[in-house]
Amino acid sequence: MAADATTRAEKQSVIAAGAKAEQRLTLGLRSRLADAVRERALLPAWFVTVLGSAPPARSTQKWLETATEVLLYRLTYDITDQVVALGEKPSDTAQRRRAWYEKLRKDLQRW
């Protein structure tokens, strides 16, 4: 635990820069998605299959958060599947990715 704390302290500036970059990317994706929905743009098949072509009248913010997170996941892991939103299920060895995949899969069941 002490070694982890030391390493984290040494890398704090890198960790902070990564978090800030993720936040900028997330806000950019959310903005572009909101623009696409507002303009009634044709969304990809993988998107429409799991989220529909437009946000629901209720829980619009939650829908937008889930959609943005799916976009972020696809970008992070270079998912290019045109039909399956999250791509193939990650292996058990990729624990962080697997956990994110499972969370998104659960979130998408709502829509």
PDB file of N, CA and C in Angstrom:
ATOM      1  N   MET A   1       0.825  -1.188   0.000  1.00  0.00           N
ATOM      2  CA  MET A   1       0.000   0.000   0.000  1.00  0.00           C
ATOM      3  C   MET A   1       0.870   1.253   0.000  1.00  0.00           C
ATOM      4  N   ALA A   2       1.957   1.217   0.754  1.00  0.00           N
ATOM      5  CA  ALA A   2       2.840   2.377   0.816  1.00  0.00           C
ATOM      6  C   ALA A   2       3.487   2.632  -0.539  1.00  0.00           C
ATOM      7  N   ALA A   3       3.890   1.560  -1.228  1.00  0.00           N
ATOM      8  CA  ALA A   3       4.506   1.706  -2.550  1.00  0.00           C
ATOM      9  C   ALA A   3       3.507   2.292  -3.540  1.00  0.00           C
ATOM     10  N   ASP A   4       2.251   1.850  -3.449  1.00  0.00           N
ATOM     11  CA  ASP A   4       1.209   2.382  -4.327  1.00  0.00           C
ATOM     12  C   ASP A   4       0.985   3.864  -4.056  1.00  0.00           C
ATOM     13  N   ALA A   5       0.939   4.240  -2.801  1.00  0.00           N
ATOM     14  CA  ALA A   5       0.747   5.640  -2.438  1.00  0.00           C
ATOM     15  C   ALA A   5       1.911   6.501  -2.937  1.00  0.00           C
ATOM     16  N   THR A   6       3.117   5.983  -2.836  1.00  0.00           N
ATOM     17  CA  THR A   6       4.296   6.717  -3.306  1.00  0.00           C
ATOM     18  C   THR A   6       4.244   6.901  -4.820  1.00  0.00           C
ATOM     19  N   THR A   7       3.946   5.828  -5.528  1.00  0.00           N
ATOM     20  CA  THR A   7       3.858   5.904  -6.984  1.00  0.00           C
ATOM     21  C   THR A   7       2.763   6.864  -7.401  1.00  0.00           C
ATOM     22  N   ARG A   8       1.609   6.789  -6.749  1.00  0.00           N
ATOM     23  CA  ARG A   8       0.500   7.684  -7.076  1.00  0.00           C
ATOM     24  C   ARG A   8       0.892   9.143  -6.842  1.00  0.00           C
ATOM     25  N   ALA A   9       1.591   9.415  -5.773  1.00  0.00           N
ATOM     26  CA  ALA A   9       2.037  10.778  -5.485  1.00  0.00           C
ATOM     27  C   ALA A   9       3.019  11.266  -6.547  1.00  0.00           C
ATOM     28  N   GLU A  10       3.921  10.382  -6.971  1.00  0.00           N
ATOM     29  CA  GLU A  10       4.903  10.747  -7.990  1.00  0.00           C
ATOM     30  C   GLU A  10       4.252  11.004  -9.339  1.00  0.00           C
ATOM     31  N   LYS A  11       3.191  10.308  -9.631  1.00  0.00           N
ATOM     32  CA  LYS A  11       2.519  10.399 -10.932  1.00  0.00           C
ATOM     33  C   LYS A  11       1.266  11.274 -10.904  1.00  0.00           C
ATOM     34  N   GLN A  12       1.068  12.004  -9.845  1.00  0.00           N
ATOM     35  CA  GLN A  12      -0.156  12.788  -9.676  1.00  0.00           C
ATOM     36  C   GLN A  12      -0.400  13.755 -10.822  1.00  0.00           C
ATOM     37  N   SER A  13       0.617  14.404 -11.328  1.00  0.00           N
ATOM     38  CA  SER A  13       0.415  15.363 -12.422  1.00  0.00           C
ATOM     39  C   SER A  13      -0.047  14.647 -13.696  1.00  0.00           C
ATOM     40  N   VAL A  14       0.482  13.464 -13.942  1.00  0.00           N
ATOM     41  CA  VAL A  14       0.068  12.682 -15.113  1.00  0.00           C
ATOM     42  C   VAL A  14      -1.365  12.195 -14.940  1.00  0.00           C
ATOM     43  N   ILE A  15      -1.695  11.742 -13.753  1.00  0.00           N
ATOM     44  CA  ILE A  15      -3.053  11.273 -13.457  1.00  0.00           C
ATOM     45  C   ILE A  15      -4.046  12.427 -13.631  1.00  0.00           C
ATOM     46  N   ALA A  16      -3.696  13.596 -13.122  1.00  0.00           N
ATOM     47  CA  ALA A  16      -4.577  14.760 -13.233  1.00  0.00           C
ATOM     48  C   ALA A  16      -4.760  15.174 -14.691  1.00  0.00           C
ATOM     49  N   ALA A  17      -3.678  15.149 -15.474  1.00  0.00           N
ATOM     50  CA  ALA A  17      -3.777  15.500 -16.892  1.00  0.00           C
ATOM     51  C   ALA A  17      -4.668  14.515 -17.640  1.00  0.00           C
ATOM     52  N   GLY A  18      -4.559  13.238 -17.305  1.00  0.00           N
ATOM     53  CA  GLY A  18      -5.407  12.228 -17.928  1.00  0.00           C
ATOM     54  C   GLY A  18      -6.868  12.434 -17.584  1.00  0.00           C
ATOM     55  N   ALA A  19      -7.140  12.737 -16.338  1.00  0.00           N
ATOM     56  CA  ALA A  19      -8.524  12.971 -15.905  1.00  0.00           C
ATOM     57  C   ALA A  19      -9.110  14.199 -16.598  1.00  0.00           C
ATOM     58  N   LYS A  20      -8.288  15.232 -16.742  1.00  0.00           N
ATOM     59  CA  LYS A  20      -8.750  16.454 -17.412  1.00  0.00           C
ATOM     60  C   LYS A  20      -9.019  16.184 -18.897  1.00  0.00           C
ATOM     61  N   ALA A  21      -8.164  15.410 -19.533  1.00  0.00           N
ATOM     62  CA  ALA A  21      -8.364  15.058 -20.947  1.00  0.00           C
ATOM     63  C   ALA A  21      -9.641  14.236 -21.116  1.00  0.00           C
ATOM     64  N   GLU A  22      -9.880  13.304 -20.201  1.00  0.00           N
ATOM     65  CA  GLU A  22     -11.099  12.495 -20.264  1.00  0.00           C
ATOM     66  C   GLU A  22     -12.334  13.373 -20.117  1.00  0.00           C
ATOM     67  N   GLN A  23     -12.266  14.334 -19.218  1.00  0.00           N
ATOM     68  CA  GLN A  23     -13.394  15.239 -19.006  1.00  0.00           C
ATOM     69  C   GLN A  23     -13.671  16.072 -20.262  1.00  0.00           C
ATOM     70  N   ARG A  24     -12.617  16.592 -20.890  1.00  0.00           N
ATOM     71  CA  ARG A  24     -12.789  17.373 -22.127  1.00  0.00           C
ATOM     72  C   ARG A  24     -13.397  16.522 -23.235  1.00  0.00           C
ATOM     73  N   LEU A  25     -12.899  15.301 -23.382  1.00  0.00           N
ATOM     74  CA  LEU A  25     -13.412  14.398 -24.403  1.00  0.00           C
ATOM     75  C   LEU A  25     -14.884  14.072 -24.144  1.00  0.00           C
ATOM     76  N   THR A  26     -15.210  13.788 -22.903  1.00  0.00           N
ATOM     77  CA  THR A  26     -16.591  13.466 -22.546  1.00  0.00           C
ATOM     78  C   THR A  26     -17.525  14.634 -22.853  1.00  0.00           C
ATOM     79  N   LEU A  27     -17.121  15.839 -22.486  1.00  0.00           N
ATOM     80  CA  LEU A  27     -17.954  17.015 -22.764  1.00  0.00           C
ATOM     81  C   LEU A  27     -18.098  17.243 -24.266  1.00  0.00           C
ATOM     82  N   GLY A  28     -17.029  17.034 -25.014  1.00  0.00           N
ATOM     83  CA  GLY A  28     -17.080  17.183 -26.467  1.00  0.00           C
ATOM     84  C   GLY A  28     -18.012  16.165 -27.104  1.00  0.00           C
ATOM     85  N   LEU A  29     -17.930  14.913 -26.665  1.00  0.00           N
ATOM     86  CA  LEU A  29     -18.810  13.876 -27.193  1.00  0.00           C
ATOM     87  C   LEU A  29     -20.271  14.186 -26.867  1.00  0.00           C
ATOM     88  N   ARG A  30     -20.503  14.591 -25.661  1.00  0.00           N
ATOM     89  CA  ARG A  30     -21.874  14.910 -25.235  1.00  0.00           C
ATOM     90  C   ARG A  30     -22.440  16.060 -26.064  1.00  0.00           C
ATOM     91  N   SER A  31     -21.640  17.064 -26.308  1.00  0.00           N
ATOM     92  CA  SER A  31     -22.075  18.214 -27.099  1.00  0.00           C
ATOM     93  C   SER A  31     -22.383  17.812 -28.540  1.00  0.00           C
ATOM     94  N   ARG A  32     -21.492  17.015 -29.129  1.00  0.00           N
ATOM     95  CA  ARG A  32     -21.721  16.564 -30.512  1.00  0.00           C
ATOM     96  C   ARG A  32     -22.954  15.680 -30.610  1.00  0.00           C
ATOM     97  N   LEU A  33     -23.166  14.828 -29.622  1.00  0.00           N
ATOM     98  CA  LEU A  33     -24.343  13.968 -29.622  1.00  0.00           C
ATOM     99  C   LEU A  33     -25.615  14.806 -29.486  1.00  0.00           C
ATOM    100  N   ALA A  34     -25.601  15.768 -28.584  1.00  0.00           N
ATOM    101  CA  ALA A  34     -26.769  16.637 -28.410  1.00  0.00           C
ATOM    102  C   ALA A  34     -27.071  17.390 -29.706  1.00  0.00           C
ATOM    103  N   ASP A  35     -26.039  17.863 -30.384  1.00  0.00           N
ATOM    104  CA  ASP A  35     -26.229  18.540 -31.669  1.00  0.00           C
ATOM    105  C   ASP A  35     -26.834  17.593 -32.701  1.00  0.00           C
ATOM    106  N   ALA A  36     -26.333  16.362 -32.766  1.00  0.00           N
ATOM    107  CA  ALA A  36     -26.843  15.385 -33.732  1.00  0.00           C
ATOM    108  C   ALA A  36     -28.313  15.074 -33.472  1.00  0.00           C
ATOM    109  N   VAL A  37     -28.676  14.923 -32.212  1.00  0.00           N
ATOM    110  CA  VAL A  37     -30.072  14.636 -31.860  1.00  0.00           C
ATOM    111  C   VAL A  37     -30.945  15.839 -32.208  1.00  0.00           C
ATOM    112  N   ARG A  38     -30.483  17.031 -31.868  1.00  0.00           N
ATOM    113  CA  ARG A  38     -31.250  18.248 -32.142  1.00  0.00           C
ATOM    114  C   ARG A  38     -31.483  18.427 -33.644  1.00  0.00           C
ATOM    115  N   GLU A  39     -30.469  18.084 -34.444  1.00  0.00           N
ATOM    116  CA  GLU A  39     -30.569  18.231 -35.902  1.00  0.00           C
ATOM    117  C   GLU A  39     -31.231  17.022 -36.563  1.00  0.00           C
ATOM    118  N   ARG A  40     -31.623  16.054 -35.741  1.00  0.00           N
ATOM    119  CA  ARG A  40     -32.246  14.820 -36.228  1.00  0.00           C
ATOM    120  C   ARG A  40     -31.364  14.106 -37.253  1.00  0.00           C
ATOM    121  N   ALA A  41     -30.088  14.069 -36.938  1.00  0.00           N
ATOM    122  CA  ALA A  41     -29.116  13.393 -37.802  1.00  0.00           C
ATOM    123  C   ALA A  41     -29.354  11.885 -37.750  1.00  0.00           C
ATOM    124  N   LEU A  42     -28.979  11.223 -38.818  1.00  0.00           N
ATOM    125  CA  LEU A  42     -29.084   9.772 -38.879  1.00  0.00           C
ATOM    126  C   LEU A  42     -27.959   9.185 -38.029  1.00  0.00           C
ATOM    127  N   LEU A  43     -28.329   8.465 -36.992  1.00  0.00           N
ATOM    128  CA  LEU A  43     -27.350   7.887 -36.081  1.00  0.00           C
ATOM    129  C   LEU A  43     -26.979   6.483 -36.548  1.00  0.00           C
ATOM    130  N   PRO A  44     -25.790   5.998 -36.186  1.00  0.00           N
ATOM    131  CA  PRO A  44     -25.353   4.661 -36.620  1.00  0.00           C
ATOM    132  C   PRO A  44     -26.283   3.552 -36.133  1.00  0.00           C
ATOM    133  N   ALA A  45     -26.307   2.459 -36.876  1.00  0.00           N
ATOM    134  CA  ALA A  45     -27.170   1.317 -36.540  1.00  0.00           C
ATOM    135  C   ALA A  45     -26.884   0.793 -35.142  1.00  0.00           C
ATOM    136  N   TRP A  46     -25.606   0.685 -34.766  1.00  0.00           N
ATOM    137  CA  TRP A  46     -25.275   0.162 -33.435  1.00  0.00           C
ATOM    138  C   TRP A  46     -25.869   1.045 -32.349  1.00  0.00           C
ATOM    139  N   PHE A  47     -25.922   2.358 -32.593  1.00  0.00           N
ATOM    140  CA  PHE A  47     -26.447   3.304 -31.621  1.00  0.00           C
ATOM    141  C   PHE A  47     -27.959   3.151 -31.489  1.00  0.00           C
ATOM    142  N   VAL A  48     -28.635   3.156 -32.627  1.00  0.00           N
ATOM    143  CA  VAL A  48     -30.095   3.070 -32.641  1.00  0.00           C
ATOM    144  C   VAL A  48     -30.571   1.752 -32.051  1.00  0.00           C
ATOM    145  N   THR A  49     -29.830   0.685 -32.280  1.00  0.00           N
ATOM    146  CA  THR A  49     -30.211  -0.629 -31.777  1.00  0.00           C
ATOM    147  C   THR A  49     -30.309  -0.648 -30.253  1.00  0.00           C
ATOM    148  N   VAL A  50     -29.400   0.023 -29.575  1.00  0.00           N
ATOM    149  CA  VAL A  50     -29.386  -0.042 -28.105  1.00  0.00           C
ATOM    150  C   VAL A  50     -29.987   1.178 -27.415  1.00  0.00           C
ATOM    151  N   LEU A  51     -30.008   2.322 -28.103  1.00  0.00           N
ATOM    152  CA  LEU A  51     -30.479   3.547 -27.462  1.00  0.00           C
ATOM    153  C   LEU A  51     -31.664   4.206 -28.164  1.00  0.00           C
ATOM    154  N   GLY A  52     -31.995   3.731 -29.332  1.00  0.00           N
ATOM    155  CA  GLY A  52     -33.071   4.356 -30.088  1.00  0.00           C
ATOM    156  C   GLY A  52     -32.553   5.537 -30.892  1.00  0.00           C
ATOM    157  N   SER A  53     -33.420   6.108 -31.685  1.00  0.00           N
ATOM    158  CA  SER A  53     -32.999   7.200 -32.567  1.00  0.00           C
ATOM    159  C   SER A  53     -33.090   8.577 -31.923  1.00  0.00           C
ATOM    160  N   ALA A  54     -33.720   8.640 -30.750  1.00  0.00           N
ATOM    161  CA  ALA A  54     -33.857   9.917 -30.039  1.00  0.00           C
ATOM    162  C   ALA A  54     -34.035   9.628 -28.551  1.00  0.00           C
ATOM    163  N   PRO A  55     -33.709  10.593 -27.722  1.00  0.00           N
ATOM    164  CA  PRO A  55     -33.881  10.384 -26.279  1.00  0.00           C
ATOM    165  C   PRO A  55     -35.359  10.313 -25.917  1.00  0.00           C
ATOM    166  N   PRO A  56     -35.672   9.590 -24.856  1.00  0.00           N
ATOM    167  CA  PRO A  56     -37.064   9.527 -24.396  1.00  0.00           C
ATOM    168  C   PRO A  56     -37.478  10.856 -23.767  1.00  0.00           C
ATOM    169  N   ALA A  57     -38.754  11.066 -23.665  1.00  0.00           N
ATOM    170  CA  ALA A  57     -39.268  12.298 -23.057  1.00  0.00           C
ATOM    171  C   ALA A  57     -38.894  12.388 -21.576  1.00  0.00           C
ATOM    172  N   ARG A  58     -38.827  11.223 -20.923  1.00  0.00           N
ATOM    173  CA  ARG A  58     -38.424  11.177 -19.512  1.00  0.00           C
ATOM    174  C   ARG A  58     -37.018  10.611 -19.423  1.00  0.00           C
ATOM    175  N   SER A  59     -36.299  10.995 -18.437  1.00  0.00           N
ATOM    176  CA  SER A  59     -34.927  10.515 -18.207  1.00  0.00           C
ATOM    177  C   SER A  59     -33.985  10.876 -19.353  1.00  0.00           C
ATOM    178  N   THR A  60     -34.218  12.010 -19.958  1.00  0.00           N
ATOM    179  CA  THR A  60     -33.403  12.449 -21.090  1.00  0.00           C
ATOM    180  C   THR A  60     -31.940  12.609 -20.693  1.00  0.00           C
ATOM    181  N   GLN A  61     -31.683  13.178 -19.539  1.00  0.00           N
ATOM    182  CA  GLN A  61     -30.296  13.380 -19.105  1.00  0.00           C
ATOM    183  C   GLN A  61     -29.590  12.058 -18.870  1.00  0.00           C
ATOM    184  N   LYS A  62     -30.279  11.093 -18.278  1.00  0.00           N
ATOM    185  CA  LYS A  62     -29.685   9.773 -18.049  1.00  0.00           C
ATOM    186  C   LYS A  62     -29.392   9.091 -19.383  1.00  0.00           C
ATOM    187  N   TRP A  63     -30.288   9.227 -20.340  1.00  0.00           N
ATOM    188  CA  TRP A  63     -30.081   8.669 -21.684  1.00  0.00           C
ATOM    189  C   TRP A  63     -28.833   9.289 -22.313  1.00  0.00           C
ATOM    190  N   LEU A  64     -28.720  10.609 -22.210  1.00  0.00           N
ATOM    191  CA  LEU A  64     -27.576  11.311 -22.781  1.00  0.00           C
ATOM    192  C   LEU A  64     -26.274  10.894 -22.096  1.00  0.00           C
ATOM    193  N   GLU A  65     -26.305  10.719 -20.790  1.00  0.00           N
ATOM    194  CA  GLU A  65     -25.115  10.258 -20.057  1.00  0.00           C
ATOM    195  C   GLU A  65     -24.711   8.851 -20.505  1.00  0.00           C
ATOM    196  N   THR A  66     -25.681   7.962 -20.627  1.00  0.00           N
ATOM    197  CA  THR A  66     -25.392   6.591 -21.060  1.00  0.00           C
ATOM    198  C   THR A  66     -24.852   6.585 -22.485  1.00  0.00           C
ATOM    199  N   ALA A  67     -25.489   7.335 -23.374  1.00  0.00           N
ATOM    200  CA  ALA A  67     -25.047   7.394 -24.765  1.00  0.00           C
ATOM    201  C   ALA A  67     -23.627   7.948 -24.864  1.00  0.00           C
ATOM    202  N   THR A  68     -23.335   8.972 -24.094  1.00  0.00           N
ATOM    203  CA  THR A  68     -21.994   9.561 -24.101  1.00  0.00           C
ATOM    204  C   THR A  68     -20.971   8.561 -23.587  1.00  0.00           C
ATOM    205  N   GLU A  69     -21.319   7.833 -22.553  1.00  0.00           N
ATOM    206  CA  GLU A  69     -20.396   6.838 -22.000  1.00  0.00           C
ATOM    207  C   GLU A  69     -20.139   5.696 -22.987  1.00  0.00           C
ATOM    208  N   VAL A  70     -21.160   5.309 -23.741  1.00  0.00           N
ATOM    209  CA  VAL A  70     -20.972   4.283 -24.774  1.00  0.00           C
ATOM    210  C   VAL A  70     -20.018   4.808 -25.850  1.00  0.00           C
ATOM    211  N   LEU A  71     -20.197   6.044 -26.256  1.00  0.00           N
ATOM    212  CA  LEU A  71     -19.280   6.643 -27.245  1.00  0.00           C
ATOM    213  C   LEU A  71     -17.845   6.670 -26.716  1.00  0.00           C
ATOM    214  N   LEU A  72     -17.693   7.038 -25.465  1.00  0.00           N
ATOM    215  CA  LEU A  72     -16.370   7.086 -24.845  1.00  0.00           C
ATOM    216  C   LEU A  72     -15.747   5.695 -24.787  1.00  0.00           C
ATOM    217  N   TYR A  73     -16.534   4.696 -24.440  1.00  0.00           N
ATOM    218  CA  TYR A  73     -16.043   3.314 -24.400  1.00  0.00           C
ATOM    219  C   TYR A  73     -15.580   2.877 -25.794  1.00  0.00           C
ATOM    220  N   ARG A  74     -16.398   3.169 -26.806  1.00  0.00           N
ATOM    221  CA  ARG A  74     -16.039   2.778 -28.174  1.00  0.00           C
ATOM    222  C   ARG A  74     -14.743   3.455 -28.620  1.00  0.00           C
ATOM    223  N   LEU A  75     -14.585   4.710 -28.282  1.00  0.00           N
ATOM    224  CA  LEU A  75     -13.346   5.414 -28.638  1.00  0.00           C
ATOM    225  C   LEU A  75     -12.147   4.868 -27.865  1.00  0.00           C
ATOM    226  N   THR A  76     -12.326   4.652 -26.594  1.00  0.00           N
ATOM    227  CA  THR A  76     -11.238   4.181 -25.742  1.00  0.00           C
ATOM    228  C   THR A  76     -10.694   2.842 -26.222  1.00  0.00           C
ATOM    229  N   TYR A  77     -11.591   1.939 -26.601  1.00  0.00           N
ATOM    230  CA  TYR A  77     -11.171   0.589 -26.975  1.00  0.00           C
ATOM    231  C   TYR A  77     -11.250   0.317 -28.478  1.00  0.00           C
ATOM    232  N   ASP A  78     -11.375   1.396 -29.257  1.00  0.00           N
ATOM    233  CA  ASP A  78     -11.364   1.303 -30.721  1.00  0.00           C
ATOM    234  C   ASP A  78     -12.371   0.274 -31.229  1.00  0.00           C
ATOM    235  N   ILE A  79     -13.597   0.378 -30.742  1.00  0.00           N
ATOM    236  CA  ILE A  79     -14.676  -0.510 -31.180  1.00  0.00           C
ATOM    237  C   ILE A  79     -15.196   0.025 -32.504  1.00  0.00           C
ATOM    238  N   THR A  80     -15.125  -0.791 -33.546  1.00  0.00           N
ATOM    239  CA  THR A  80     -15.569  -0.357 -34.873  1.00  0.00           C
ATOM    240  C   THR A  80     -16.738  -1.176 -35.397  1.00  0.00           C
ATOM    241  N   ASP A  81     -17.246  -2.093 -34.599  1.00  0.00           N
ATOM    242  CA  ASP A  81     -18.376  -2.923 -35.016  1.00  0.00           C
ATOM    243  C   ASP A  81     -19.541  -2.011 -35.396  1.00  0.00           C
ATOM    244  N   GLN A  82     -20.114  -2.253 -36.555  1.00  0.00           N
ATOM    245  CA  GLN A  82     -21.204  -1.406 -37.045  1.00  0.00           C
ATOM    246  C   GLN A  82     -22.576  -1.821 -36.521  1.00  0.00           C
ATOM    247  N   VAL A  83     -22.642  -2.963 -35.843  1.00  0.00           N
ATOM    248  CA  VAL A  83     -23.923  -3.466 -35.361  1.00  0.00           C
ATOM    249  C   VAL A  83     -23.970  -3.567 -33.845  1.00  0.00           C
ATOM    250  N   VAL A  84     -22.903  -4.072 -33.236  1.00  0.00           N
ATOM    251  CA  VAL A  84     -22.876  -4.307 -31.792  1.00  0.00           C
ATOM    252  C   VAL A  84     -22.200  -3.117 -31.099  1.00  0.00           C
ATOM    253  N   ALA A  85     -22.950  -2.429 -30.270  1.00  0.00           N
ATOM    254  CA  ALA A  85     -22.478  -1.183 -29.660  1.00  0.00           C
ATOM    255  C   ALA A  85     -21.188  -1.322 -28.861  1.00  0.00           C
ATOM    256  N   LEU A  86     -21.080  -2.367 -28.063  1.00  0.00           N
ATOM    257  CA  LEU A  86     -19.923  -2.515 -27.180  1.00  0.00           C
ATOM    258  C   LEU A  86     -18.880  -3.486 -27.726  1.00  0.00           C
ATOM    259  N   GLY A  87     -19.106  -4.020 -28.900  1.00  0.00           N
ATOM    260  CA  GLY A  87     -18.158  -4.975 -29.456  1.00  0.00           C
ATOM    261  C   GLY A  87     -18.190  -6.280 -28.680  1.00  0.00           C
ATOM    262  N   GLU A  88     -17.142  -7.068 -28.851  1.00  0.00           N
ATOM    263  CA  GLU A  88     -17.063  -8.355 -28.167  1.00  0.00           C
ATOM    264  C   GLU A  88     -16.847  -8.170 -26.667  1.00  0.00           C
ATOM    265  N   LYS A  89     -17.320  -9.143 -25.924  1.00  0.00           N
ATOM    266  CA  LYS A  89     -17.140  -9.128 -24.470  1.00  0.00           C
ATOM    267  C   LYS A  89     -15.649  -9.250 -24.158  1.00  0.00           C
ATOM    268  N   PRO A  90     -15.117  -8.340 -23.332  1.00  0.00           N
ATOM    269  CA  PRO A  90     -13.688  -8.400 -22.990  1.00  0.00           C
ATOM    270  C   PRO A  90     -13.340  -9.648 -22.185  1.00  0.00           C
ATOM    271  N   SER A  91     -12.095 -10.042 -22.265  1.00  0.00           N
ATOM    272  CA  SER A  91     -11.640 -11.213 -21.516  1.00  0.00           C
ATOM    273  C   SER A  91     -11.603 -10.909 -20.018  1.00  0.00           C
ATOM    274  N   ASP A  92     -11.554 -11.964 -19.236  1.00  0.00           N
ATOM    275  CA  ASP A  92     -11.493 -11.808 -17.781  1.00  0.00           C
ATOM    276  C   ASP A  92     -10.209 -11.135 -17.325  1.00  0.00           C
ATOM    277  N   THR A  93      -9.162 -11.195 -18.142  1.00  0.00           N
ATOM    278  CA  THR A  93      -7.886 -10.600 -17.748  1.00  0.00           C
ATOM    279  C   THR A  93      -7.903  -9.080 -17.842  1.00  0.00           C
ATOM    280  N   ALA A  94      -8.800  -8.533 -18.642  1.00  0.00           N
ATOM    281  CA  ALA A  94      -8.923  -7.076 -18.775  1.00  0.00           C
ATOM    282  C   ALA A  94      -9.983  -6.607 -17.777  1.00  0.00           C
ATOM    283  N   GLN A  95      -9.623  -6.600 -16.512  1.00  0.00           N
ATOM    284  CA  GLN A  95     -10.603  -6.374 -15.446  1.00  0.00           C
ATOM    285  C   GLN A  95     -11.291  -5.015 -15.513  1.00  0.00           C
ATOM    286  N   ARG A  96     -10.532  -3.970 -15.733  1.00  0.00           N
ATOM    287  CA  ARG A  96     -11.118  -2.622 -15.763  1.00  0.00           C
ATOM    288  C   ARG A  96     -12.072  -2.489 -16.953  1.00  0.00           C
ATOM    289  N   ARG A  97     -11.603  -2.964 -18.121  1.00  0.00           N
ATOM    290  CA  ARG A  97     -12.459  -2.908 -19.307  1.00  0.00           C
ATOM    291  C   ARG A  97     -13.699  -3.773 -19.120  1.00  0.00           C
ATOM    292  N   ARG A  98     -13.514  -4.953 -18.566  1.00  0.00           N
ATOM    293  CA  ARG A  98     -14.637  -5.879 -18.355  1.00  0.00           C
ATOM    294  C   ARG A  98     -15.669  -5.243 -17.433  1.00  0.00           C
ATOM    295  N   ALA A  99     -15.221  -4.586 -16.371  1.00  0.00           N
ATOM    296  CA  ALA A  99     -16.140  -3.940 -15.430  1.00  0.00           C
ATOM    297  C   ALA A  99     -16.919  -2.817 -16.120  1.00  0.00           C
ATOM    298  N   TRP A 100     -16.233  -2.028 -16.938  1.00  0.00           N
ATOM    299  CA  TRP A 100     -16.898  -0.937 -17.661  1.00  0.00           C
ATOM    300  C   TRP A 100     -17.909  -1.510 -18.651  1.00  0.00           C
ATOM    301  N   TYR A 101     -17.523  -2.556 -19.355  1.00  0.00           N
ATOM    302  CA  TYR A 101     -18.400  -3.234 -20.306  1.00  0.00           C
ATOM    303  C   TYR A 101     -19.677  -3.718 -19.610  1.00  0.00           C
ATOM    304  N   GLU A 102     -19.501  -4.380 -18.474  1.00  0.00           N
ATOM    305  CA  GLU A 102     -20.656  -4.918 -17.745  1.00  0.00           C
ATOM    306  C   GLU A 102     -21.565  -3.802 -17.236  1.00  0.00           C
ATOM    307  N   LYS A 103     -20.974  -2.708 -16.765  1.00  0.00           N
ATOM    308  CA  LYS A 103     -21.769  -1.561 -16.309  1.00  0.00           C
ATOM    309  C   LYS A 103     -22.588  -0.998 -17.456  1.00  0.00           C
ATOM    310  N   LEU A 104     -21.944  -0.802 -18.618  1.00  0.00           N
ATOM    311  CA  LEU A 104     -22.654  -0.257 -19.771  1.00  0.00           C
ATOM    312  C   LEU A 104     -23.740  -1.217 -20.263  1.00  0.00           C
ATOM    313  N   ARG A 105     -23.426  -2.495 -20.281  1.00  0.00           N
ATOM    314  CA  ARG A 105     -24.409  -3.486 -20.713  1.00  0.00           C
ATOM    315  C   ARG A 105     -25.656  -3.408 -19.826  1.00  0.00           C
ATOM    316  N   LYS A 106     -25.435  -3.262 -18.535  1.00  0.00           N
ATOM    317  CA  LYS A 106     -26.545  -3.131 -17.587  1.00  0.00           C
ATOM    318  C   LYS A 106     -27.303  -1.820 -17.829  1.00  0.00           C
ATOM    319  N   ASP A 107     -26.578  -0.728 -17.997  1.00  0.00           N
ATOM    320  CA  ASP A 107     -27.206   0.577 -18.241  1.00  0.00           C
ATOM    321  C   ASP A 107     -28.037   0.559 -19.528  1.00  0.00           C
ATOM    322  N   LEU A 108     -27.545  -0.122 -20.547  1.00  0.00           N
ATOM    323  CA  LEU A 108     -28.244  -0.156 -21.833  1.00  0.00           C
ATOM    324  C   LEU A 108     -29.534  -0.960 -21.781  1.00  0.00           C
ATOM    325  N   GLN A 109     -29.663  -1.854 -20.837  1.00  0.00           N
ATOM    326  CA  GLN A 109     -30.904  -2.643 -20.713  1.00  0.00           C
ATOM    327  C   GLN A 109     -32.100  -1.749 -20.415  1.00  0.00           C
ATOM    328  N   ARG A 110     -31.831  -0.611 -19.831  1.00  0.00           N
ATOM    329  CA  ARG A 110     -32.887   0.331 -19.494  1.00  0.00           C
ATOM    330  C   ARG A 110     -33.556   0.905 -20.743  1.00  0.00           C
ATOM    331  N   TRP A 111     -32.809   1.030 -21.808  1.00  0.00           N
ATOM    332  CA  TRP A 111     -33.327   1.672 -23.010  1.00  0.00           C
ATOM    333  C   TRP A 111     -33.813   0.652 -23.992  1.00  0.00           C
TER     334      TRP A 111
END
